[in-house]
Each structure stands twice: as structure tokens, then as C-alpha cells.
PDB file of N, CA and C in Angstrom:
ATOM      1  N   MET A   1       0.843  -1.183   0.000  1.00  0.00           N
ATOM      2  CA  MET A   1       0.000   0.000   0.000  1.00  0.00           C
ATOM      3  C   MET A   1       0.887   1.245   0.000  1.00  0.00           C
ATOM      4  N   ILE A   2       0.563   2.233  -0.836  1.00  0.00           N
ATOM      5  CA  ILE A   2       1.336   3.457  -0.920  1.00  0.00           C
ATOM      6  C   ILE A   2       0.792   4.463   0.083  1.00  0.00           C
ATOM      7  N   ASP A   3       1.681   5.046   0.870  1.00  0.00           N
ATOM      8  CA  ASP A   3       1.318   6.100   1.802  1.00  0.00           C
ATOM      9  C   ASP A   3       1.185   7.395   1.009  1.00  0.00           C
ATOM     10  N   ASN A   4       0.022   8.045   1.085  1.00  0.00           N
ATOM     11  CA  ASN A   4      -0.198   9.283   0.333  1.00  0.00           C
ATOM     12  C   ASN A   4       0.852  10.334   0.634  1.00  0.00           C
ATOM     13  N   ASN A   5       1.423  10.330   1.840  1.00  0.00           N
ATOM     14  CA  ASN A   5       2.434  11.319   2.195  1.00  0.00           C
ATOM     15  C   ASN A   5       3.690  11.162   1.364  1.00  0.00           C
ATOM     16  N   GLU A   6       3.972   9.976   0.873  1.00  0.00           N
ATOM     17  CA  GLU A   6       5.199   9.733   0.126  1.00  0.00           C
ATOM     18  C   GLU A   6       5.102  10.165  -1.329  1.00  0.00           C
ATOM     19  N   ILE A   7       3.909  10.382  -1.830  1.00  0.00           N
ATOM     20  CA  ILE A   7       3.797  10.829  -3.220  1.00  0.00           C
ATOM     21  C   ILE A   7       3.545  12.321  -3.313  1.00  0.00           C
ATOM     22  N   CYS A   8       3.461  12.971  -2.197  1.00  0.00           N
ATOM     23  CA  CYS A   8       3.216  14.397  -2.126  1.00  0.00           C
ATOM     24  C   CYS A   8       4.515  15.055  -1.669  1.00  0.00           C
ATOM     25  N   TYR A   9       5.179  15.769  -2.575  1.00  0.00           N
ATOM     26  CA  TYR A   9       6.478  16.364  -2.290  1.00  0.00           C
ATOM     27  C   TYR A   9       6.319  17.784  -1.747  1.00  0.00           C
ATOM     28  N   LEU A  10       7.267  18.206  -0.941  1.00  0.00           N
ATOM     29  CA  LEU A  10       7.195  19.506  -0.279  1.00  0.00           C
ATOM     30  C   LEU A  10       7.096  20.677  -1.246  1.00  0.00           C
ATOM     31  N   ASP A  11       7.624  20.520  -2.446  1.00  0.00           N
ATOM     32  CA  ASP A  11       7.625  21.613  -3.418  1.00  0.00           C
ATOM     33  C   ASP A  11       6.442  21.546  -4.394  1.00  0.00           C
ATOM     34  N   GLU A  12       5.362  20.893  -3.977  1.00  0.00           N
ATOM     35  CA  GLU A  12       4.207  20.737  -4.862  1.00  0.00           C
ATOM     36  C   GLU A  12       2.916  21.223  -4.217  1.00  0.00           C
ATOM     37  N   LEU A  13       2.014  21.582  -5.096  1.00  0.00           N
ATOM     38  CA  LEU A  13       0.621  21.791  -4.738  1.00  0.00           C
ATOM     39  C   LEU A  13      -0.152  20.650  -5.380  1.00  0.00           C
ATOM     40  N   ILE A  14      -1.152  20.165  -4.715  1.00  0.00           N
ATOM     41  CA  ILE A  14      -1.998  19.118  -5.282  1.00  0.00           C
ATOM     42  C   ILE A  14      -3.379  19.699  -5.533  1.00  0.00           C
ATOM     43  N   ILE A  15      -3.824  19.591  -6.777  1.00  0.00           N
ATOM     44  CA  ILE A  15      -5.194  19.968  -7.118  1.00  0.00           C
ATOM     45  C   ILE A  15      -6.001  18.679  -7.102  1.00  0.00           C
ATOM     46  N   GLU A  16      -6.903  18.598  -6.151  1.00  0.00           N
ATOM     47  CA  GLU A  16      -7.695  17.385  -5.983  1.00  0.00           C
ATOM     48  C   GLU A  16      -8.888  17.384  -6.928  1.00  0.00           C
ATOM     49  N   GLY A  17      -9.318  16.208  -7.293  1.00  0.00           N
ATOM     50  CA  GLY A  17     -10.477  16.049  -8.157  1.00  0.00           C
ATOM     51  C   GLY A  17     -11.774  16.080  -7.375  1.00  0.00           C
ATOM     52  N   LEU A  18     -11.811  16.950  -6.387  1.00  0.00           N
ATOM     53  CA  LEU A  18     -12.963  17.084  -5.505  1.00  0.00           C
ATOM     54  C   LEU A  18     -13.255  18.563  -5.338  1.00  0.00           C
ATOM     55  N   THR A  19     -14.513  18.946  -5.501  1.00  0.00           N
ATOM     56  CA  THR A  19     -14.871  20.346  -5.331  1.00  0.00           C
ATOM     57  C   THR A  19     -14.996  20.681  -3.851  1.00  0.00           C
ATOM     58  N   LEU A  20     -15.026  21.970  -3.554  1.00  0.00           N
ATOM     59  CA  LEU A  20     -15.117  22.414  -2.167  1.00  0.00           C
ATOM     60  C   LEU A  20     -16.386  21.921  -1.475  1.00  0.00           C
ATOM     61  N   ASP A  21     -17.433  21.634  -2.264  1.00  0.00           N
ATOM     62  CA  ASP A  21     -18.660  21.105  -1.668  1.00  0.00           C
ATOM     63  C   ASP A  21     -18.696  19.571  -1.648  1.00  0.00           C
ATOM     64  N   GLY A  22     -17.532  18.947  -1.934  1.00  0.00           N
ATOM     65  CA  GLY A  22     -17.413  17.494  -1.779  1.00  0.00           C
ATOM     66  C   GLY A  22     -17.827  16.654  -2.964  1.00  0.00           C
ATOM     67  N   LYS A  23     -18.072  17.273  -4.109  1.00  0.00           N
ATOM     68  CA  LYS A  23     -18.478  16.520  -5.298  1.00  0.00           C
ATOM     69  C   LYS A  23     -17.270  16.167  -6.152  1.00  0.00           C
ATOM     70  N   LYS A  24     -17.341  15.002  -6.794  1.00  0.00           N
ATOM     71  CA  LYS A  24     -16.282  14.588  -7.715  1.00  0.00           C
ATOM     72  C   LYS A  24     -16.330  15.480  -8.945  1.00  0.00           C
ATOM     73  N   PHE A  25     -15.154  15.984  -9.352  1.00  0.00           N
ATOM     74  CA  PHE A  25     -15.096  16.905 -10.483  1.00  0.00           C
ATOM     75  C   PHE A  25     -15.209  16.162 -11.804  1.00  0.00           C
ATOM     76  N   ARG A  26     -15.964  16.733 -12.725  1.00  0.00           N
ATOM     77  CA  ARG A  26     -16.131  16.208 -14.076  1.00  0.00           C
ATOM     78  C   ARG A  26     -15.706  17.264 -15.067  1.00  0.00           C
ATOM     79  N   PRO A  27     -15.248  16.957 -16.233  1.00  0.00           N
ATOM     80  CA  PRO A  27     -15.203  15.642 -16.862  1.00  0.00           C
ATOM     81  C   PRO A  27     -14.095  14.785 -16.258  1.00  0.00           C
ATOM     82  N   SER A  28     -14.222  13.509 -16.442  1.00  0.00           N
ATOM     83  CA  SER A  28     -13.286  12.571 -15.823  1.00  0.00           C
ATOM     84  C   SER A  28     -11.867  12.676 -16.381  1.00  0.00           C
ATOM     85  N   ASP A  29     -11.697  13.253 -17.566  1.00  0.00           N
ATOM     86  CA  ASP A  29     -10.350  13.365 -18.155  1.00  0.00           C
ATOM     87  C   ASP A  29      -9.690  14.722 -17.883  1.00  0.00           C
ATOM     88  N   TRP A  30     -10.178  15.463 -16.900  1.00  0.00           N
ATOM     89  CA  TRP A  30      -9.633  16.793 -16.620  1.00  0.00           C
ATOM     90  C   TRP A  30      -8.147  16.751 -16.289  1.00  0.00           C
ATOM     91  N   VAL A  31      -7.692  15.686 -15.610  1.00  0.00           N
ATOM     92  CA  VAL A  31      -6.279  15.561 -15.239  1.00  0.00           C
ATOM     93  C   VAL A  31      -5.418  15.445 -16.494  1.00  0.00           C
ATOM     94  N   ASP A  32      -5.835  14.603 -17.420  1.00  0.00           N
ATOM     95  CA  ASP A  32      -5.091  14.432 -18.669  1.00  0.00           C
ATOM     96  C   ASP A  32      -5.034  15.730 -19.462  1.00  0.00           C
ATOM     97  N   ARG A  33      -6.134  16.434 -19.491  1.00  0.00           N
ATOM     98  CA  ARG A  33      -6.183  17.697 -20.232  1.00  0.00           C
ATOM     99  C   ARG A  33      -5.230  18.725 -19.619  1.00  0.00           C
ATOM    100  N   LEU A  34      -5.254  18.837 -18.298  1.00  0.00           N
ATOM    101  CA  LEU A  34      -4.408  19.827 -17.629  1.00  0.00           C
ATOM    102  C   LEU A  34      -2.933  19.464 -17.747  1.00  0.00           C
ATOM    103  N   CYS A  35      -2.597  18.213 -17.482  1.00  0.00           N
ATOM    104  CA  CYS A  35      -1.193  17.784 -17.568  1.00  0.00           C
ATOM    105  C   CYS A  35      -0.696  17.798 -19.006  1.00  0.00           C
ATOM    106  N   GLY A  36      -1.602  17.613 -19.945  1.00  0.00           N
ATOM    107  CA  GLY A  36      -1.237  17.624 -21.352  1.00  0.00           C
ATOM    108  C   GLY A  36      -0.781  18.983 -21.852  1.00  0.00           C
ATOM    109  N   MET A  37      -1.073  20.039 -21.097  1.00  0.00           N
ATOM    110  CA  MET A  37      -0.665  21.393 -21.497  1.00  0.00           C
ATOM    111  C   MET A  37       0.846  21.498 -21.684  1.00  0.00           C
ATOM    112  N   LEU A  38       1.606  20.793 -20.852  1.00  0.00           N
ATOM    113  CA  LEU A  38       3.066  20.876 -20.914  1.00  0.00           C
ATOM    114  C   LEU A  38       3.714  19.554 -21.313  1.00  0.00           C
ATOM    115  N   ALA A  39       2.907  18.565 -21.649  1.00  0.00           N
ATOM    116  CA  ALA A  39       3.448  17.254 -22.016  1.00  0.00           C
ATOM    117  C   ALA A  39       4.011  17.284 -23.434  1.00  0.00           C
ATOM    118  N   VAL A  40       4.937  16.383 -23.693  1.00  0.00           N
ATOM    119  CA  VAL A  40       5.484  16.209 -25.034  1.00  0.00           C
ATOM    120  C   VAL A  40       5.336  14.741 -25.423  1.00  0.00           C
ATOM    121  N   PHE A  41       5.302  14.509 -26.716  1.00  0.00           N
ATOM    122  CA  PHE A  41       5.250  13.138 -27.213  1.00  0.00           C
ATOM    123  C   PHE A  41       6.636  12.774 -27.711  1.00  0.00           C
ATOM    124  N   ASP A  42       7.168  11.677 -27.165  1.00  0.00           N
ATOM    125  CA  ASP A  42       8.506  11.231 -27.526  1.00  0.00           C
ATOM    126  C   ASP A  42       8.454   9.734 -27.786  1.00  0.00           C
ATOM    127  N   GLN A  43       8.783   9.332 -28.980  1.00  0.00           N
ATOM    128  CA  GLN A  43       8.760   7.922 -29.378  1.00  0.00           C
ATOM    129  C   GLN A  43       7.412   7.283 -29.071  1.00  0.00           C
ATOM    130  N   GLN A  44       6.354   7.968 -29.464  1.00  0.00           N
ATOM    131  CA  GLN A  44       4.973   7.526 -29.322  1.00  0.00           C
ATOM    132  C   GLN A  44       4.545   7.329 -27.866  1.00  0.00           C
ATOM    133  N   LYS A  45       5.192   8.026 -26.945  1.00  0.00           N
ATOM    134  CA  LYS A  45       4.817   7.990 -25.531  1.00  0.00           C
ATOM    135  C   LYS A  45       4.658   9.422 -25.032  1.00  0.00           C
ATOM    136  N   VAL A  46       3.772   9.586 -24.077  1.00  0.00           N
ATOM    137  CA  VAL A  46       3.596  10.893 -23.455  1.00  0.00           C
ATOM    138  C   VAL A  46       4.641  11.043 -22.358  1.00  0.00           C
ATOM    139  N   SER A  47       5.345  12.156 -22.402  1.00  0.00           N
ATOM    140  CA  SER A  47       6.287  12.497 -21.334  1.00  0.00           C
ATOM    141  C   SER A  47       5.758  13.743 -20.648  1.00  0.00           C
ATOM    142  N   TYR A  48       5.400  13.592 -19.375  1.00  0.00           N
ATOM    143  CA  TYR A  48       4.867  14.730 -18.641  1.00  0.00           C
ATOM    144  C   TYR A  48       5.982  15.687 -18.256  1.00  0.00           C
ATOM    145  N   SER A  49       5.623  16.926 -18.165  1.00  0.00           N
ATOM    146  CA  SER A  49       6.546  17.974 -17.734  1.00  0.00           C
ATOM    147  C   SER A  49       6.954  17.727 -16.278  1.00  0.00           C
ATOM    148  N   PRO A  50       8.148  18.162 -15.899  1.00  0.00           N
ATOM    149  CA  PRO A  50       8.520  18.048 -14.489  1.00  0.00           C
ATOM    150  C   PRO A  50       7.691  18.984 -13.600  1.00  0.00           C
ATOM    151  N   PHE A  51       6.923  19.900 -14.210  1.00  0.00           N
ATOM    152  CA  PHE A  51       6.127  20.851 -13.444  1.00  0.00           C
ATOM    153  C   PHE A  51       4.696  20.401 -13.187  1.00  0.00           C
ATOM    154  N   LEU A  52       4.171  19.513 -14.014  1.00  0.00           N
ATOM    155  CA  LEU A  52       2.794  19.030 -13.901  1.00  0.00           C
ATOM    156  C   LEU A  52       2.775  17.528 -14.069  1.00  0.00           C
ATOM    157  N   ARG A  53       2.109  16.842 -13.147  1.00  0.00           N
ATOM    158  CA  ARG A  53       2.013  15.394 -13.310  1.00  0.00           C
ATOM    159  C   ARG A  53       0.710  14.890 -12.713  1.00  0.00           C
ATOM    160  N   PRO A  54       0.157  13.866 -13.332  1.00  0.00           N
ATOM    161  CA  PRO A  54      -1.041  13.256 -12.765  1.00  0.00           C
ATOM    162  C   PRO A  54      -0.653  12.334 -11.608  1.00  0.00           C
ATOM    163  N   LEU A  55      -1.555  12.185 -10.680  1.00  0.00           N
ATOM    164  CA  LEU A  55      -1.329  11.224  -9.602  1.00  0.00           C
ATOM    165  C   LEU A  55      -2.650  10.858  -8.967  1.00  0.00           C
ATOM    166  N   VAL A  56      -2.623   9.770  -8.243  1.00  0.00           N
ATOM    167  CA  VAL A  56      -3.783   9.367  -7.457  1.00  0.00           C
ATOM    168  C   VAL A  56      -3.462   9.696  -6.011  1.00  0.00           C
ATOM    169  N   TYR A  57      -4.321  10.494  -5.410  1.00  0.00           N
ATOM    170  CA  TYR A  57      -4.139  10.971  -4.039  1.00  0.00           C
ATOM    171  C   TYR A  57      -5.489  10.867  -3.354  1.00  0.00           C
ATOM    172  N   LYS A  58      -5.521  10.252  -2.189  1.00  0.00           N
ATOM    173  CA  LYS A  58      -6.786  10.047  -1.469  1.00  0.00           C
ATOM    174  C   LYS A  58      -7.798   9.318  -2.360  1.00  0.00           C
ATOM    175  N   ASP A  59      -7.321   8.355  -3.125  1.00  0.00           N
ATOM    176  CA  ASP A  59      -8.162   7.538  -4.003  1.00  0.00           C
ATOM    177  C   ASP A  59      -8.906   8.344  -5.073  1.00  0.00           C
ATOM    178  N   MET A  60      -8.316   9.462  -5.513  1.00  0.00           N
ATOM    179  CA  MET A  60      -8.927  10.224  -6.600  1.00  0.00           C
ATOM    180  C   MET A  60      -7.835  10.737  -7.531  1.00  0.00           C
ATOM    181  N   ASN A  61      -8.210  10.984  -8.765  1.00  0.00           N
ATOM    182  CA  ASN A  61      -7.269  11.545  -9.729  1.00  0.00           C
ATOM    183  C   ASN A  61      -7.014  13.002  -9.390  1.00  0.00           C
ATOM    184  N   CYS A  62      -5.737  13.376  -9.394  1.00  0.00           N
ATOM    185  CA  CYS A  62      -5.309  14.723  -9.023  1.00  0.00           C
ATOM    186  C   CYS A  62      -4.183  15.174  -9.947  1.00  0.00           C
ATOM    187  N   VAL A  63      -3.821  16.444  -9.798  1.00  0.00           N
ATOM    188  CA  VAL A  63      -2.686  17.002 -10.518  1.00  0.00           C
ATOM    189  C   VAL A  63      -1.711  17.575  -9.495  1.00  0.00           C
ATOM    190  N   ALA A  64      -0.451  17.186  -9.630  1.00  0.00           N
ATOM    191  CA  ALA A  64       0.613  17.763  -8.811  1.00  0.00           C
ATOM    192  C   ALA A  64       1.254  18.883  -9.614  1.00  0.00           C
ATOM    193  N   VAL A  65       1.387  20.040  -8.993  1.00  0.00           N
ATOM    194  CA  VAL A  65       1.965  21.220  -9.634  1.00  0.00           C
ATOM    195  C   VAL A  65       3.195  21.637  -8.830  1.00  0.00           C
ATOM    196  N   LYS A  66       4.345  21.645  -9.477  1.00  0.00           N
ATOM    197  CA  LYS A  66       5.556  22.135  -8.814  1.00  0.00           C
ATOM    198  C   LYS A  66       5.408  23.635  -8.589  1.00  0.00           C
ATOM    199  N   LYS A  67       5.715  24.085  -7.375  1.00  0.00           N
ATOM    200  CA  LYS A  67       5.617  25.511  -7.057  1.00  0.00           C
ATOM    201  C   LYS A  67       6.549  26.346  -7.928  1.00  0.00           C
ATOM    202  N   GLU A  68       7.620  25.757  -8.379  1.00  0.00           N
ATOM    203  CA  GLU A  68       8.594  26.440  -9.234  1.00  0.00           C
ATOM    204  C   GLU A  68       7.968  26.924 -10.546  1.00  0.00           C
ATOM    205  N   LEU A  69       6.883  26.299 -10.963  1.00  0.00           N
ATOM    206  CA  LEU A  69       6.200  26.705 -12.191  1.00  0.00           C
ATOM    207  C   LEU A  69       5.775  28.169 -12.117  1.00  0.00           C
ATOM    208  N   GLU A  70       5.475  28.649 -10.919  1.00  0.00           N
ATOM    209  CA  GLU A  70       5.034  30.035 -10.756  1.00  0.00           C
ATOM    210  C   GLU A  70       6.098  31.037 -11.218  1.00  0.00           C
ATOM    211  N   THR A  71       7.372  30.708 -11.004  1.00  0.00           N
ATOM    212  CA  THR A  71       8.436  31.615 -11.446  1.00  0.00           C
ATOM    213  C   THR A  71       8.933  31.288 -12.860  1.00  0.00           C
ATOM    214  N   LYS A  72       8.896  30.015 -13.236  1.00  0.00           N
ATOM    215  CA  LYS A  72       9.391  29.606 -14.556  1.00  0.00           C
ATOM    216  C   LYS A  72       8.407  29.946 -15.678  1.00  0.00           C
ATOM    217  N   LYS A  73       7.126  29.689 -15.424  1.00  0.00           N
ATOM    218  CA  LYS A  73       6.091  29.929 -16.436  1.00  0.00           C
ATOM    219  C   LYS A  73       4.858  30.498 -15.731  1.00  0.00           C
ATOM    220  N   PRO A  74       4.940  31.760 -15.304  1.00  0.00           N
ATOM    221  CA  PRO A  74       3.863  32.332 -14.493  1.00  0.00           C
ATOM    222  C   PRO A  74       2.494  32.330 -15.168  1.00  0.00           C
ATOM    223  N   SER A  75       2.429  32.521 -16.468  1.00  0.00           N
ATOM    224  CA  SER A  75       1.120  32.546 -17.129  1.00  0.00           C
ATOM    225  C   SER A  75       0.449  31.174 -17.063  1.00  0.00           C
ATOM    226  N   ILE A  76       1.224  30.116 -17.206  1.00  0.00           N
ATOM    227  CA  ILE A  76       0.654  28.767 -17.113  1.00  0.00           C
ATOM    228  C   ILE A  76       0.252  28.460 -15.675  1.00  0.00           C
ATOM    229  N   PHE A  77       1.119  28.823 -14.721  1.00  0.00           N
ATOM    230  CA  PHE A  77       0.784  28.618 -13.308  1.00  0.00           C
ATOM    231  C   PHE A  77      -0.515  29.344 -12.961  1.00  0.00           C
ATOM    232  N   ASN A  78      -0.624  30.604 -13.385  1.00  0.00           N
ATOM    233  CA  ASN A  78      -1.831  31.381 -13.102  1.00  0.00           C
ATOM    234  C   ASN A  78      -3.063  30.767 -13.750  1.00  0.00           C
ATOM    235  N   PHE A  79      -2.913  30.266 -14.976  1.00  0.00           N
ATOM    236  CA  PHE A  79      -4.032  29.602 -15.649  1.00  0.00           C
ATOM    237  C   PHE A  79      -4.502  28.392 -14.848  1.00  0.00           C
ATOM    238  N   ILE A  80      -3.548  27.581 -14.386  1.00  0.00           N
ATOM    239  CA  ILE A  80      -3.886  26.366 -13.636  1.00  0.00           C
ATOM    240  C   ILE A  80      -4.560  26.711 -12.314  1.00  0.00           C
ATOM    241  N   MET A  81      -4.023  27.700 -11.608  1.00  0.00           N
ATOM    242  CA  MET A  81      -4.625  28.090 -10.332  1.00  0.00           C
ATOM    243  C   MET A  81      -6.003  28.718 -10.545  1.00  0.00           C
ATOM    244  N   GLN A  82      -6.170  29.458 -11.640  1.00  0.00           N
ATOM    245  CA  GLN A  82      -7.480  30.036 -11.947  1.00  0.00           C
ATOM    246  C   GLN A  82      -8.478  28.933 -12.307  1.00  0.00           C
ATOM    247  N   PHE A  83      -8.005  27.914 -13.038  1.00  0.00           N
ATOM    248  CA  PHE A  83      -8.841  26.754 -13.359  1.00  0.00           C
ATOM    249  C   PHE A  83      -9.343  26.104 -12.068  1.00  0.00           C
ATOM    250  N   ALA A  84      -8.440  25.903 -11.115  1.00  0.00           N
ATOM    251  CA  ALA A  84      -8.814  25.290  -9.837  1.00  0.00           C
ATOM    252  C   ALA A  84      -9.828  26.164  -9.100  1.00  0.00           C
ATOM    253  N   SER A  85      -9.586  27.461  -9.086  1.00  0.00           N
ATOM    254  CA  SER A  85     -10.486  28.389  -8.410  1.00  0.00           C
ATOM    255  C   SER A  85     -11.857  28.445  -9.085  1.00  0.00           C
ATOM    256  N   ASP A  86     -11.861  28.593 -10.413  1.00  0.00           N
ATOM    257  CA  ASP A  86     -13.123  28.675 -11.163  1.00  0.00           C
ATOM    258  C   ASP A  86     -13.987  27.441 -10.960  1.00  0.00           C
ATOM    259  N   ASN A  87     -13.343  26.297 -10.817  1.00  0.00           N
ATOM    260  CA  ASN A  87     -14.076  25.034 -10.667  1.00  0.00           C
ATOM    261  C   ASN A  87     -14.206  24.598  -9.212  1.00  0.00           C
ATOM    262  N   GLN A  88     -13.806  25.473  -8.309  1.00  0.00           N
ATOM    263  CA  GLN A  88     -13.899  25.245  -6.867  1.00  0.00           C
ATOM    264  C   GLN A  88     -13.254  23.922  -6.458  1.00  0.00           C
ATOM    265  N   LEU A  89     -12.054  23.666  -7.028  1.00  0.00           N
ATOM    266  CA  LEU A  89     -11.327  22.450  -6.689  1.00  0.00           C
ATOM    267  C   LEU A  89     -10.465  22.686  -5.458  1.00  0.00           C
ATOM    268  N   MET A  90     -10.311  21.649  -4.668  1.00  0.00           N
ATOM    269  CA  MET A  90      -9.483  21.741  -3.474  1.00  0.00           C
ATOM    270  C   MET A  90      -8.012  21.725  -3.882  1.00  0.00           C
ATOM    271  N   VAL A  91      -7.228  22.645  -3.314  1.00  0.00           N
ATOM    272  CA  VAL A  91      -5.798  22.729  -3.564  1.00  0.00           C
ATOM    273  C   VAL A  91      -5.086  22.556  -2.239  1.00  0.00           C
ATOM    274  N   VAL A  92      -4.155  21.606  -2.195  1.00  0.00           N
ATOM    275  CA  VAL A  92      -3.419  21.295  -0.974  1.00  0.00           C
ATOM    276  C   VAL A  92      -1.955  21.635  -1.183  1.00  0.00           C
ATOM    277  N   ASP A  93      -1.395  22.404  -0.265  1.00  0.00           N
ATOM    278  CA  ASP A  93       0.040  22.681  -0.260  1.00  0.00           C
ATOM    279  C   ASP A  93       0.695  21.528   0.488  1.00  0.00           C
ATOM    280  N   CYS A  94       1.484  20.743  -0.207  1.00  0.00           N
ATOM    281  CA  CYS A  94       2.057  19.539   0.394  1.00  0.00           C
ATOM    282  C   CYS A  94       2.960  19.850   1.587  1.00  0.00           C
ATOM    283  N   ALA A  95       3.667  20.964   1.555  1.00  0.00           N
ATOM    284  CA  ALA A  95       4.549  21.321   2.671  1.00  0.00           C
ATOM    285  C   ALA A  95       3.724  21.545   3.937  1.00  0.00           C
ATOM    286  N   LYS A  96       2.639  22.256   3.826  1.00  0.00           N
ATOM    287  CA  LYS A  96       1.778  22.508   4.986  1.00  0.00           C
ATOM    288  C   LYS A  96       1.098  21.226   5.436  1.00  0.00           C
ATOM    289  N   PHE A  97       0.663  20.419   4.467  1.00  0.00           N
ATOM    290  CA  PHE A  97       0.006  19.149   4.794  1.00  0.00           C
ATOM    291  C   PHE A  97       0.939  18.251   5.586  1.00  0.00           C
ATOM    292  N   LYS A  98       2.181  18.138   5.122  1.00  0.00           N
ATOM    293  CA  LYS A  98       3.136  17.256   5.803  1.00  0.00           C
ATOM    294  C   LYS A  98       3.474  17.781   7.191  1.00  0.00           C
ATOM    295  N   LEU A  99       3.575  19.108   7.349  1.00  0.00           N
ATOM    296  CA  LEU A  99       3.860  19.668   8.662  1.00  0.00           C
ATOM    297  C   LEU A  99       2.718  19.368   9.628  1.00  0.00           C
ATOM    298  N   GLN A 100       1.468  19.473   9.148  1.00  0.00           N
ATOM    299  CA  GLN A 100       0.316  19.172   9.981  1.00  0.00           C
ATOM    300  C   GLN A 100       0.281  17.697  10.372  1.00  0.00           C
ATOM    301  N   GLN A 101       0.743  16.845   9.475  1.00  0.00           N
ATOM    302  CA  GLN A 101       0.732  15.402   9.722  1.00  0.00           C
ATOM    303  C   GLN A 101       1.927  14.956  10.550  1.00  0.00           C
ATOM    304  N   GLY A 102       2.888  15.860  10.758  1.00  0.00           N
ATOM    305  CA  GLY A 102       4.088  15.498  11.519  1.00  0.00           C
ATOM    306  C   GLY A 102       5.040  14.624  10.739  1.00  0.00           C
ATOM    307  N   VAL A 103       5.016  14.736   9.413  1.00  0.00           N
ATOM    308  CA  VAL A 103       5.865  13.911   8.555  1.00  0.00           C
ATOM    309  C   VAL A 103       7.202  14.584   8.378  1.00  0.00           C
TER     310      VAL A 103
END
């Protein structure tokens, strides 16, 4: 069994596939669409950017966003954070989460 704390890095934000009112976010491929913004195709495989990656967290599909994206590509970071806000998605700062958990 994978401990959720081990897949959540201190330098990441996690956008959960759950709205603030507790509903599962739709469409179901939202993670692929968001991560695909910076993905490249190499030898017929998708290679995700080091700044955006899909993951399963708390048994739901989520997107991990490196905080460094804010300084490297601010317009993309702002778009992603606005997407989360517009859709009322929960955003977790992994550093704060781990400190609260005593990890």
C-alpha cells in the first residue's frame, strides 16, 4: 500500500479532483487535459513535464503542480490556479500538509 504522504512532495501543490462542496469533479479526463498542457510526445509515448504530473491521491485523480512553475512559467501557473479556483477544486500545499501530519 502506498502512503499518500510519500507521493506528495514539499515543493508541490496538489489539485484534488474534488470540489469544495465534496463533489467529484467532471469531466473525468480533466487531469489528462491539464497535464497535457506541458506534455510532449517522444517515441509515441507521453512524457509529462517536471512541473505538472497526474497522480492518485486520497483515491482520486489529481494534478501535482511544482511551485517552481510560478516563477518559470507564471502565465501557465496562473491559468492552472485560476482553473482550480473557477471550478472550486481543493488545492493542498504539500509542505503545509506534511507539517500538519508530523511527517
